[in-house]
């Protein structure tokens, strides 16, 4: 198996169908990848909905069930089940362009990650816009050269929008104690195994759905902000060792402080 796609889902709605349909339209041979859907938290009646959906598609799929809610635990369960040489994380409300998997896999290697172009859209809208990752992509793609984790640091804030070798991930897992910033911490932890970041072709696009009710957009109290920042900073400070790119880890520390201001 070449690629394992891991999709965590909690009380999924119709957007999961949009996600799976975009995977079914992939130009790469469907024998090359598997889709692992991890239903977490509330199981019924969503399990029946998911099973009925997967019957409609040609790709290989498996559904993992856990009553423990949380995206980190769900992704970890997906990683423990994954058979693919490479891992591709996709959120259940997002979509990918038809050439996404084929292009990312064609550029993949055991020591590099491949990051895609990104477009953001709101519910029930076909209009897309650039976010911070898309802006970084458009700024750097013309250079046509590999990026260090420092120069490509904006691509290291999310585990989605890319393909990652199992040899890079190794035994690193998402921190289930973090509710915000778990993506950035995970990517920082695996950064010591990443030689370069390769950018995909422009037509390989990760479409990120923007939902105002998402956890990352929920207003936090000052106490909650400080608790979040303290947890994240402790994790990053532990990475200030020779095993890591210290300037890159330093940017994570600064970004966390900026997050405190924006939350």
Foldseek 3Di string as FASTA:
>chain_A
DAEEEAEEDEPDDCLLLVAVVLVLLAPDPLVNYEYEYEYEADCPPVVVVVVVSVVVGDHHYDYHYYNHDDPQVRVQVSVVVDPHQKYAYDYSNKHKHRHQVVQQSVPDDQAAKEAEAEWEDEPPDPDTDDDPLNVLCVVPVVVQDWAQCQSNVVSQQARHRIMHGCNLQPPQGFDRVARPSSSNLSSQVSSLRHGTYHYTDHSTYMYHYDDCPDPLNDDDDLVVLVVNLVVQLVSLVVVCDPSGPNVSSVVVNVVSVVSSVVD
